[in-house]
Amino acid sequence: MGAWVAAAAAAVALLVTFVLRTRLPAPVTIPLMVAASSALAWGGMLLQTDPPAYEVVLAVAAMAVMGPLHVRVVIGPYGPRG
């Protein structure tokens, strides 16, 4: 199940990053990116054999922050341009 969660989260993250990020307002796309990044971490944790609870919480929280930040720094700002 973890692979499916991670794959779906990655698909959503790619959709938000390359299609929706510049078409929808930032207050819509940033929460979508937070959710996709968190789900990606959750899926990765599901692939591990019995990870400690603190590791799961730390991974999900870190990705909730780092995913959208990474997109902003590497790809560009959220929200329509122009």
PDB file of N, CA and C in Angstrom:
ATOM      1  N   MET A   1       0.823  -1.196   0.000  1.00  0.00           N
ATOM      2  CA  MET A   1       0.000   0.000   0.000  1.00  0.00           C
ATOM      3  C   MET A   1       0.867   1.259   0.000  1.00  0.00           C
ATOM      4  N   GLY A   2       2.020   1.203   0.651  1.00  0.00           N
ATOM      5  CA  GLY A   2       2.891   2.371   0.728  1.00  0.00           C
ATOM      6  C   GLY A   2       3.340   2.865  -0.632  1.00  0.00           C
ATOM      7  N   ALA A   3       3.600   1.914  -1.538  1.00  0.00           N
ATOM      8  CA  ALA A   3       4.043   2.306  -2.876  1.00  0.00           C
ATOM      9  C   ALA A   3       2.939   3.060  -3.610  1.00  0.00           C
ATOM     10  N   TRP A   4       1.680   2.635  -3.419  1.00  0.00           N
ATOM     11  CA  TRP A   4       0.563   3.312  -4.060  1.00  0.00           C
ATOM     12  C   TRP A   4       0.366   4.713  -3.503  1.00  0.00           C
ATOM     13  N   VAL A   5       0.499   4.853  -2.199  1.00  0.00           N
ATOM     14  CA  VAL A   5       0.367   6.172  -1.572  1.00  0.00           C
ATOM     15  C   VAL A   5       1.466   7.098  -2.078  1.00  0.00           C
ATOM     16  N   ALA A   6       2.698   6.603  -2.097  1.00  0.00           N
ATOM     17  CA  ALA A   6       3.822   7.417  -2.559  1.00  0.00           C
ATOM     18  C   ALA A   6       3.678   7.781  -4.037  1.00  0.00           C
ATOM     19  N   ALA A   7       3.238   6.832  -4.849  1.00  0.00           N
ATOM     20  CA  ALA A   7       3.078   7.103  -6.286  1.00  0.00           C
ATOM     21  C   ALA A   7       1.969   8.126  -6.536  1.00  0.00           C
ATOM     22  N   ALA A   8       0.853   7.983  -5.840  1.00  0.00           N
ATOM     23  CA  ALA A   8      -0.246   8.947  -6.004  1.00  0.00           C
ATOM     24  C   ALA A   8       0.177  10.326  -5.518  1.00  0.00           C
ATOM     25  N   ALA A   9       0.884  10.378  -4.396  1.00  0.00           N
ATOM     26  CA  ALA A   9       1.352  11.659  -3.867  1.00  0.00           C
ATOM     27  C   ALA A   9       2.348  12.316  -4.825  1.00  0.00           C
ATOM     28  N   ALA A  10       3.222  11.529  -5.406  1.00  0.00           N
ATOM     29  CA  ALA A  10       4.180  12.072  -6.365  1.00  0.00           C
ATOM     30  C   ALA A  10       3.468  12.609  -7.601  1.00  0.00           C
ATOM     31  N   ALA A  11       2.431  11.900  -8.052  1.00  0.00           N
ATOM     32  CA  ALA A  11       1.662  12.371  -9.213  1.00  0.00           C
ATOM     33  C   ALA A  11       0.977  13.699  -8.911  1.00  0.00           C
ATOM     34  N   VAL A  12       0.386  13.812  -7.729  1.00  0.00           N
ATOM     35  CA  VAL A  12      -0.262  15.070  -7.340  1.00  0.00           C
ATOM     36  C   VAL A  12       0.769  16.186  -7.225  1.00  0.00           C
ATOM     37  N   ALA A  13       1.917  15.889  -6.620  1.00  0.00           N
ATOM     38  CA  ALA A  13       2.964  16.898  -6.479  1.00  0.00           C
ATOM     39  C   ALA A  13       3.455  17.382  -7.844  1.00  0.00           C
ATOM     40  N   LEU A  14       3.616  16.482  -8.783  1.00  0.00           N
ATOM     41  CA  LEU A  14       4.040  16.881 -10.128  1.00  0.00           C
ATOM     42  C   LEU A  14       2.966  17.726 -10.812  1.00  0.00           C
ATOM     43  N   LEU A  15       1.714  17.341 -10.652  1.00  0.00           N
ATOM     44  CA  LEU A  15       0.617  18.112 -11.232  1.00  0.00           C
ATOM     45  C   LEU A  15       0.580  19.527 -10.655  1.00  0.00           C
ATOM     46  N   VAL A  16       0.703  19.628  -9.349  1.00  0.00           N
ATOM     47  CA  VAL A  16       0.684  20.946  -8.702  1.00  0.00           C
ATOM     48  C   VAL A  16       1.886  21.762  -9.143  1.00  0.00           C
ATOM     49  N   THR A  17       3.059  21.141  -9.155  1.00  0.00           N
ATOM     50  CA  THR A  17       4.293  21.859  -9.468  1.00  0.00           C
ATOM     51  C   THR A  17       4.326  22.390 -10.894  1.00  0.00           C
ATOM     52  N   PHE A  18       3.984  21.540 -11.850  1.00  0.00           N
ATOM     53  CA  PHE A  18       4.187  21.920 -13.244  1.00  0.00           C
ATOM     54  C   PHE A  18       2.938  22.404 -13.968  1.00  0.00           C
ATOM     55  N   VAL A  19       1.755  22.202 -13.399  1.00  0.00           N
ATOM     56  CA  VAL A  19       0.538  22.630 -14.089  1.00  0.00           C
ATOM     57  C   VAL A  19      -0.229  23.670 -13.278  1.00  0.00           C
ATOM     58  N   LEU A  20      -0.538  23.356 -12.036  1.00  0.00           N
ATOM     59  CA  LEU A  20      -1.431  24.208 -11.252  1.00  0.00           C
ATOM     60  C   LEU A  20      -0.735  25.367 -10.540  1.00  0.00           C
ATOM     61  N   ARG A  21       0.542  25.257 -10.287  1.00  0.00           N
ATOM     62  CA  ARG A  21       1.264  26.255  -9.478  1.00  0.00           C
ATOM     63  C   ARG A  21       1.128  27.668 -10.022  1.00  0.00           C
ATOM     64  N   THR A  22       1.158  27.844 -11.318  1.00  0.00           N
ATOM     65  CA  THR A  22       1.071  29.183 -11.902  1.00  0.00           C
ATOM     66  C   THR A  22      -0.327  29.509 -12.432  1.00  0.00           C
ATOM     67  N   ARG A  23      -1.254  28.571 -12.313  1.00  0.00           N
ATOM     68  CA  ARG A  23      -2.609  28.816 -12.815  1.00  0.00           C
ATOM     69  C   ARG A  23      -3.609  29.129 -11.707  1.00  0.00           C
ATOM     70  N   LEU A  24      -3.353  28.615 -10.514  1.00  0.00           N
ATOM     71  CA  LEU A  24      -4.248  28.840  -9.375  1.00  0.00           C
ATOM     72  C   LEU A  24      -3.566  29.750  -8.361  1.00  0.00           C
ATOM     73  N   PRO A  25      -4.328  30.415  -7.514  1.00  0.00           N
ATOM     74  CA  PRO A  25      -3.723  31.281  -6.498  1.00  0.00           C
ATOM     75  C   PRO A  25      -2.885  30.478  -5.504  1.00  0.00           C
ATOM     76  N   ALA A  26      -1.895  31.139  -4.937  1.00  0.00           N
ATOM     77  CA  ALA A  26      -0.999  30.497  -3.976  1.00  0.00           C
ATOM     78  C   ALA A  26      -1.737  29.894  -2.778  1.00  0.00           C
ATOM     79  N   PRO A  27      -2.786  30.553  -2.221  1.00  0.00           N
ATOM     80  CA  PRO A  27      -3.486  29.938  -1.090  1.00  0.00           C
ATOM     81  C   PRO A  27      -4.172  28.601  -1.429  1.00  0.00           C
ATOM     82  N   VAL A  28      -4.304  28.297  -2.704  1.00  0.00           N
ATOM     83  CA  VAL A  28      -4.867  27.011  -3.107  1.00  0.00           C
ATOM     84  C   VAL A  28      -3.758  25.987  -3.350  1.00  0.00           C
ATOM     85  N   THR A  29      -2.705  26.399  -4.047  1.00  0.00           N
ATOM     86  CA  THR A  29      -1.678  25.439  -4.444  1.00  0.00           C
ATOM     87  C   THR A  29      -0.709  25.077  -3.322  1.00  0.00           C
ATOM     88  N   ILE A  30      -0.427  25.981  -2.422  1.00  0.00           N
ATOM     89  CA  ILE A  30       0.497  25.658  -1.332  1.00  0.00           C
ATOM     90  C   ILE A  30      -0.074  24.565  -0.428  1.00  0.00           C
ATOM     91  N   PRO A  31      -1.341  24.647   0.017  1.00  0.00           N
ATOM     92  CA  PRO A  31      -1.877  23.526   0.806  1.00  0.00           C
ATOM     93  C   PRO A  31      -1.912  22.200   0.039  1.00  0.00           C
ATOM     94  N   LEU A  32      -2.166  22.265  -1.269  1.00  0.00           N
ATOM     95  CA  LEU A  32      -2.115  21.043  -2.071  1.00  0.00           C
ATOM     96  C   LEU A  32      -0.716  20.444  -2.066  1.00  0.00           C
ATOM     97  N   MET A  33       0.291  21.304  -2.165  1.00  0.00           N
ATOM     98  CA  MET A  33       1.674  20.837  -2.156  1.00  0.00           C
ATOM     99  C   MET A  33       2.066  20.306  -0.781  1.00  0.00           C
ATOM    100  N   VAL A  34       1.576  20.945   0.284  1.00  0.00           N
ATOM    101  CA  VAL A  34       1.827  20.457   1.644  1.00  0.00           C
ATOM    102  C   VAL A  34       1.239  19.053   1.799  1.00  0.00           C
ATOM    103  N   ALA A  35       0.003  18.874   1.345  1.00  0.00           N
ATOM    104  CA  ALA A  35      -0.653  17.566   1.456  1.00  0.00           C
ATOM    105  C   ALA A  35       0.061  16.498   0.636  1.00  0.00           C
ATOM    106  N   ALA A  36       0.452  16.845  -0.584  1.00  0.00           N
ATOM    107  CA  ALA A  36       1.145  15.881  -1.437  1.00  0.00           C
ATOM    108  C   ALA A  36       2.504  15.506  -0.850  1.00  0.00           C
ATOM    109  N   SER A  37       3.224  16.477  -0.337  1.00  0.00           N
ATOM    110  CA  SER A  37       4.535  16.206   0.255  1.00  0.00           C
ATOM    111  C   SER A  37       4.405  15.346   1.511  1.00  0.00           C
ATOM    112  N   SER A  38       3.424  15.647   2.331  1.00  0.00           N
ATOM    113  CA  SER A  38       3.186  14.853   3.536  1.00  0.00           C
ATOM    114  C   SER A  38       2.797  13.420   3.177  1.00  0.00           C
ATOM    115  N   ALA A  39       1.934  13.269   2.189  1.00  0.00           N
ATOM    116  CA  ALA A  39       1.523  11.931   1.761  1.00  0.00           C
ATOM    117  C   ALA A  39       2.690  11.150   1.178  1.00  0.00           C
ATOM    118  N   LEU A  40       3.591  11.830   0.505  1.00  0.00           N
ATOM    119  CA  LEU A  40       4.776  11.170  -0.034  1.00  0.00           C
ATOM    120  C   LEU A  40       5.644  10.620   1.095  1.00  0.00           C
ATOM    121  N   ALA A  41       5.819  11.394   2.135  1.00  0.00           N
ATOM    122  CA  ALA A  41       6.582  10.916   3.292  1.00  0.00           C
ATOM    123  C   ALA A  41       5.854   9.771   3.983  1.00  0.00           C
ATOM    124  N   TRP A  42       4.543   9.887   4.121  1.00  0.00           N
ATOM    125  CA  TRP A  42       3.749   8.833   4.755  1.00  0.00           C
ATOM    126  C   TRP A  42       3.874   7.523   3.958  1.00  0.00           C
ATOM    127  N   GLY A  43       3.792   7.619   2.645  1.00  0.00           N
ATOM    128  CA  GLY A  43       3.953   6.431   1.799  1.00  0.00           C
ATOM    129  C   GLY A  43       5.324   5.811   1.949  1.00  0.00           C
ATOM    130  N   GLY A  44       6.337   6.649   2.048  1.00  0.00           N
ATOM    131  CA  GLY A  44       7.684   6.136   2.274  1.00  0.00           C
ATOM    132  C   GLY A  44       7.821   5.440   3.613  1.00  0.00           C
ATOM    133  N   MET A  45       7.173   5.974   4.623  1.00  0.00           N
ATOM    134  CA  MET A  45       7.214   5.342   5.946  1.00  0.00           C
ATOM    135  C   MET A  45       6.467   4.009   5.951  1.00  0.00           C
ATOM    136  N   LEU A  46       5.394   3.913   5.144  1.00  0.00           N
ATOM    137  CA  LEU A  46       4.663   2.647   5.056  1.00  0.00           C
ATOM    138  C   LEU A  46       5.497   1.546   4.412  1.00  0.00           C
ATOM    139  N   LEU A  47       6.495   1.918   3.633  1.00  0.00           N
ATOM    140  CA  LEU A  47       7.363   0.932   2.992  1.00  0.00           C
ATOM    141  C   LEU A  47       8.396   0.354   3.953  1.00  0.00           C
ATOM    142  N   GLN A  48       8.625   1.008   5.073  1.00  0.00           N
ATOM    143  CA  GLN A  48       9.592   0.515   6.058  1.00  0.00           C
ATOM    144  C   GLN A  48       8.941  -0.509   6.974  1.00  0.00           C
ATOM    145  N   THR A  49       9.778  -1.379   7.513  1.00  0.00           N
ATOM    146  CA  THR A  49       9.287  -2.369   8.463  1.00  0.00           C
ATOM    147  C   THR A  49       9.260  -1.771   9.851  1.00  0.00           C
ATOM    148  N   ASP A  50       8.076  -1.513  10.364  1.00  0.00           N
ATOM    149  CA  ASP A  50       7.852  -1.033  11.723  1.00  0.00           C
ATOM    150  C   ASP A  50       8.746   0.156  12.114  1.00  0.00           C
ATOM    151  N   PRO A  51       8.584   1.311  11.435  1.00  0.00           N
ATOM    152  CA  PRO A  51       9.384   2.481  11.818  1.00  0.00           C
ATOM    153  C   PRO A  51       8.911   3.047  13.154  1.00  0.00           C
ATOM    154  N   PRO A  52       9.819   3.637  13.914  1.00  0.00           N
ATOM    155  CA  PRO A  52       9.401   4.256  15.180  1.00  0.00           C
ATOM    156  C   PRO A  52       8.440   5.421  14.922  1.00  0.00           C
ATOM    157  N   ALA A  53       7.551   5.659  15.868  1.00  0.00           N
ATOM    158  CA  ALA A  53       6.531   6.701  15.708  1.00  0.00           C
ATOM    159  C   ALA A  53       7.161   8.077  15.526  1.00  0.00           C
ATOM    160  N   TYR A  54       8.235   8.362  16.271  1.00  0.00           N
ATOM    161  CA  TYR A  54       8.871   9.683  16.152  1.00  0.00           C
ATOM    162  C   TYR A  54       9.435   9.884  14.754  1.00  0.00           C
ATOM    163  N   GLU A  55       9.914   8.810  14.133  1.00  0.00           N
ATOM    164  CA  GLU A  55      10.474   8.918  12.788  1.00  0.00           C
ATOM    165  C   GLU A  55       9.385   9.234  11.767  1.00  0.00           C
ATOM    166  N   VAL A  56       8.222   8.626  11.931  1.00  0.00           N
ATOM    167  CA  VAL A  56       7.096   8.883  11.041  1.00  0.00           C
ATOM    168  C   VAL A  56       6.647  10.330  11.182  1.00  0.00           C
ATOM    169  N   VAL A  57       6.478  10.782  12.405  1.00  0.00           N
ATOM    170  CA  VAL A  57       6.030  12.157  12.656  1.00  0.00           C
ATOM    171  C   VAL A  57       7.043  13.154  12.112  1.00  0.00           C
ATOM    172  N   LEU A  58       8.314  12.912  12.352  1.00  0.00           N
ATOM    173  CA  LEU A  58       9.364  13.818  11.887  1.00  0.00           C
ATOM    174  C   LEU A  58       9.423  13.863  10.363  1.00  0.00           C
ATOM    175  N   ALA A  59       9.326  12.708   9.721  1.00  0.00           N
ATOM    176  CA  ALA A  59       9.390  12.670   8.256  1.00  0.00           C
ATOM    177  C   ALA A  59       8.213  13.397   7.623  1.00  0.00           C
ATOM    178  N   VAL A  60       7.017  13.150   8.131  1.00  0.00           N
ATOM    179  CA  VAL A  60       5.819  13.781   7.565  1.00  0.00           C
ATOM    180  C   VAL A  60       5.856  15.290   7.795  1.00  0.00           C
ATOM    181  N   ALA A  61       6.241  15.709   8.998  1.00  0.00           N
ATOM    182  CA  ALA A  61       6.307  17.146   9.298  1.00  0.00           C
ATOM    183  C   ALA A  61       7.392  17.837   8.469  1.00  0.00           C
ATOM    184  N   ALA A  62       8.541  17.189   8.339  1.00  0.00           N
ATOM    185  CA  ALA A  62       9.633  17.788   7.562  1.00  0.00           C
ATOM    186  C   ALA A  62       9.258  17.932   6.092  1.00  0.00           C
ATOM    187  N   MET A  63       8.625  16.918   5.543  1.00  0.00           N
ATOM    188  CA  MET A  63       8.236  17.002   4.135  1.00  0.00           C
ATOM    189  C   MET A  63       7.110  18.010   3.918  1.00  0.00           C
ATOM    190  N   ALA A  64       6.261  18.203   4.913  1.00  0.00           N
ATOM    191  CA  ALA A  64       5.200  19.204   4.794  1.00  0.00           C
ATOM    192  C   ALA A  64       5.784  20.598   4.611  1.00  0.00           C
ATOM    193  N   VAL A  65       6.952  20.826   5.188  1.00  0.00           N
ATOM    194  CA  VAL A  65       7.621  22.120   5.067  1.00  0.00           C
ATOM    195  C   VAL A  65       8.564  22.139   3.862  1.00  0.00           C
ATOM    196  N   MET A  66       9.369  21.102   3.721  1.00  0.00           N
ATOM    197  CA  MET A  66      10.419  21.107   2.701  1.00  0.00           C
ATOM    198  C   MET A  66       9.908  20.932   1.280  1.00  0.00           C
ATOM    199  N   GLY A  67       8.807  20.201   1.090  1.00  0.00           N
ATOM    200  CA  GLY A  67       8.278  20.000  -0.265  1.00  0.00           C
ATOM    201  C   GLY A  67       7.885  21.310  -0.935  1.00  0.00           C
ATOM    202  N   PRO A  68       6.966  22.073  -0.333  1.00  0.00           N
ATOM    203  CA  PRO A  68       6.583  23.353  -0.947  1.00  0.00           C
ATOM    204  C   PRO A  68       7.740  24.353  -1.027  1.00  0.00           C
ATOM    205  N   LEU A  69       8.598  24.348  -0.017  1.00  0.00           N
ATOM    206  CA  LEU A  69       9.750  25.254  -0.035  1.00  0.00           C
ATOM    207  C   LEU A  69      10.702  24.905  -1.170  1.00  0.00           C
ATOM    208  N   HIS A  70      10.931  23.627  -1.383  1.00  0.00           N
ATOM    209  CA  HIS A  70      11.812  23.184  -2.467  1.00  0.00           C
ATOM    210  C   HIS A  70      11.267  23.629  -3.822  1.00  0.00           C
ATOM    211  N   VAL A  71       9.972  23.465  -4.022  1.00  0.00           N
ATOM    212  CA  VAL A  71       9.358  23.894  -5.278  1.00  0.00           C
ATOM    213  C   VAL A  71       9.506  25.396  -5.457  1.00  0.00           C
ATOM    214  N   ARG A  72       9.286  26.143  -4.399  1.00  0.00           N
ATOM    215  CA  ARG A  72       9.395  27.608  -4.478  1.00  0.00           C
ATOM    216  C   ARG A  72      10.805  28.048  -4.832  1.00  0.00           C
ATOM    217  N   VAL A  73      11.804  27.447  -4.213  1.00  0.00           N
ATOM    218  CA  VAL A  73      13.190  27.853  -4.424  1.00  0.00           C
ATOM    219  C   VAL A  73      13.702  27.398  -5.789  1.00  0.00           C
ATOM    220  N   VAL A  74      13.398  26.179  -6.174  1.00  0.00           N
ATOM    221  CA  VAL A  74      13.971  25.614  -7.407  1.00  0.00           C
ATOM    222  C   VAL A  74      13.173  25.988  -8.645  1.00  0.00           C
ATOM    223  N   ILE A  75      11.849  25.898  -8.581  1.00  0.00           N
ATOM    224  CA  ILE A  75      11.009  26.100  -9.758  1.00  0.00           C
ATOM    225  C   ILE A  75      10.528  27.540  -9.901  1.00  0.00           C
ATOM    226  N   GLY A  76      10.078  28.136  -8.801  1.00  0.00           N
ATOM    227  CA  GLY A  76       9.607  29.518  -8.872  1.00  0.00           C
ATOM    228  C   GLY A  76       8.430  29.759  -7.957  1.00  0.00           C
ATOM    229  N   PRO A  77       7.932  31.001  -7.947  1.00  0.00           N
ATOM    230  CA  PRO A  77       6.877  31.375  -7.016  1.00  0.00           C
ATOM    231  C   PRO A  77       5.534  30.710  -7.341  1.00  0.00           C
ATOM    232  N   TYR A  78       4.722  30.607  -6.305  1.00  0.00           N
ATOM    233  CA  TYR A  78       3.358  30.108  -6.452  1.00  0.00           C
ATOM    234  C   TYR A  78       2.457  31.253  -6.904  1.00  0.00           C
ATOM    235  N   GLY A  79       1.378  30.899  -7.574  1.00  0.00           N
ATOM    236  CA  GLY A  79       0.394  31.892  -7.975  1.00  0.00           C
ATOM    237  C   GLY A  79       0.587  32.350  -9.408  1.00  0.00           C
ATOM    238  N   PRO A  80      -0.491  32.882  -9.994  1.00  0.00           N
ATOM    239  CA  PRO A  80      -0.416  33.384 -11.377  1.00  0.00           C
ATOM    240  C   PRO A  80       0.586  34.520 -11.503  1.00  0.00           C
ATOM    241  N   ARG A  81       1.236  34.553 -12.614  1.00  0.00           N
ATOM    242  CA  ARG A  81       2.199  35.629 -12.885  1.00  0.00           C
ATOM    243  C   ARG A  81       1.608  36.559 -13.927  1.00  0.00           C
ATOM    244  N   GLY A  82       1.967  37.799 -13.781  1.00  0.00           N
ATOM    245  CA  GLY A  82       1.534  38.709 -14.834  1.00  0.00           C
ATOM    246  C   GLY A  82       0.777  39.840 -14.382  1.00  0.00           C
TER     247      GLY A  82
END
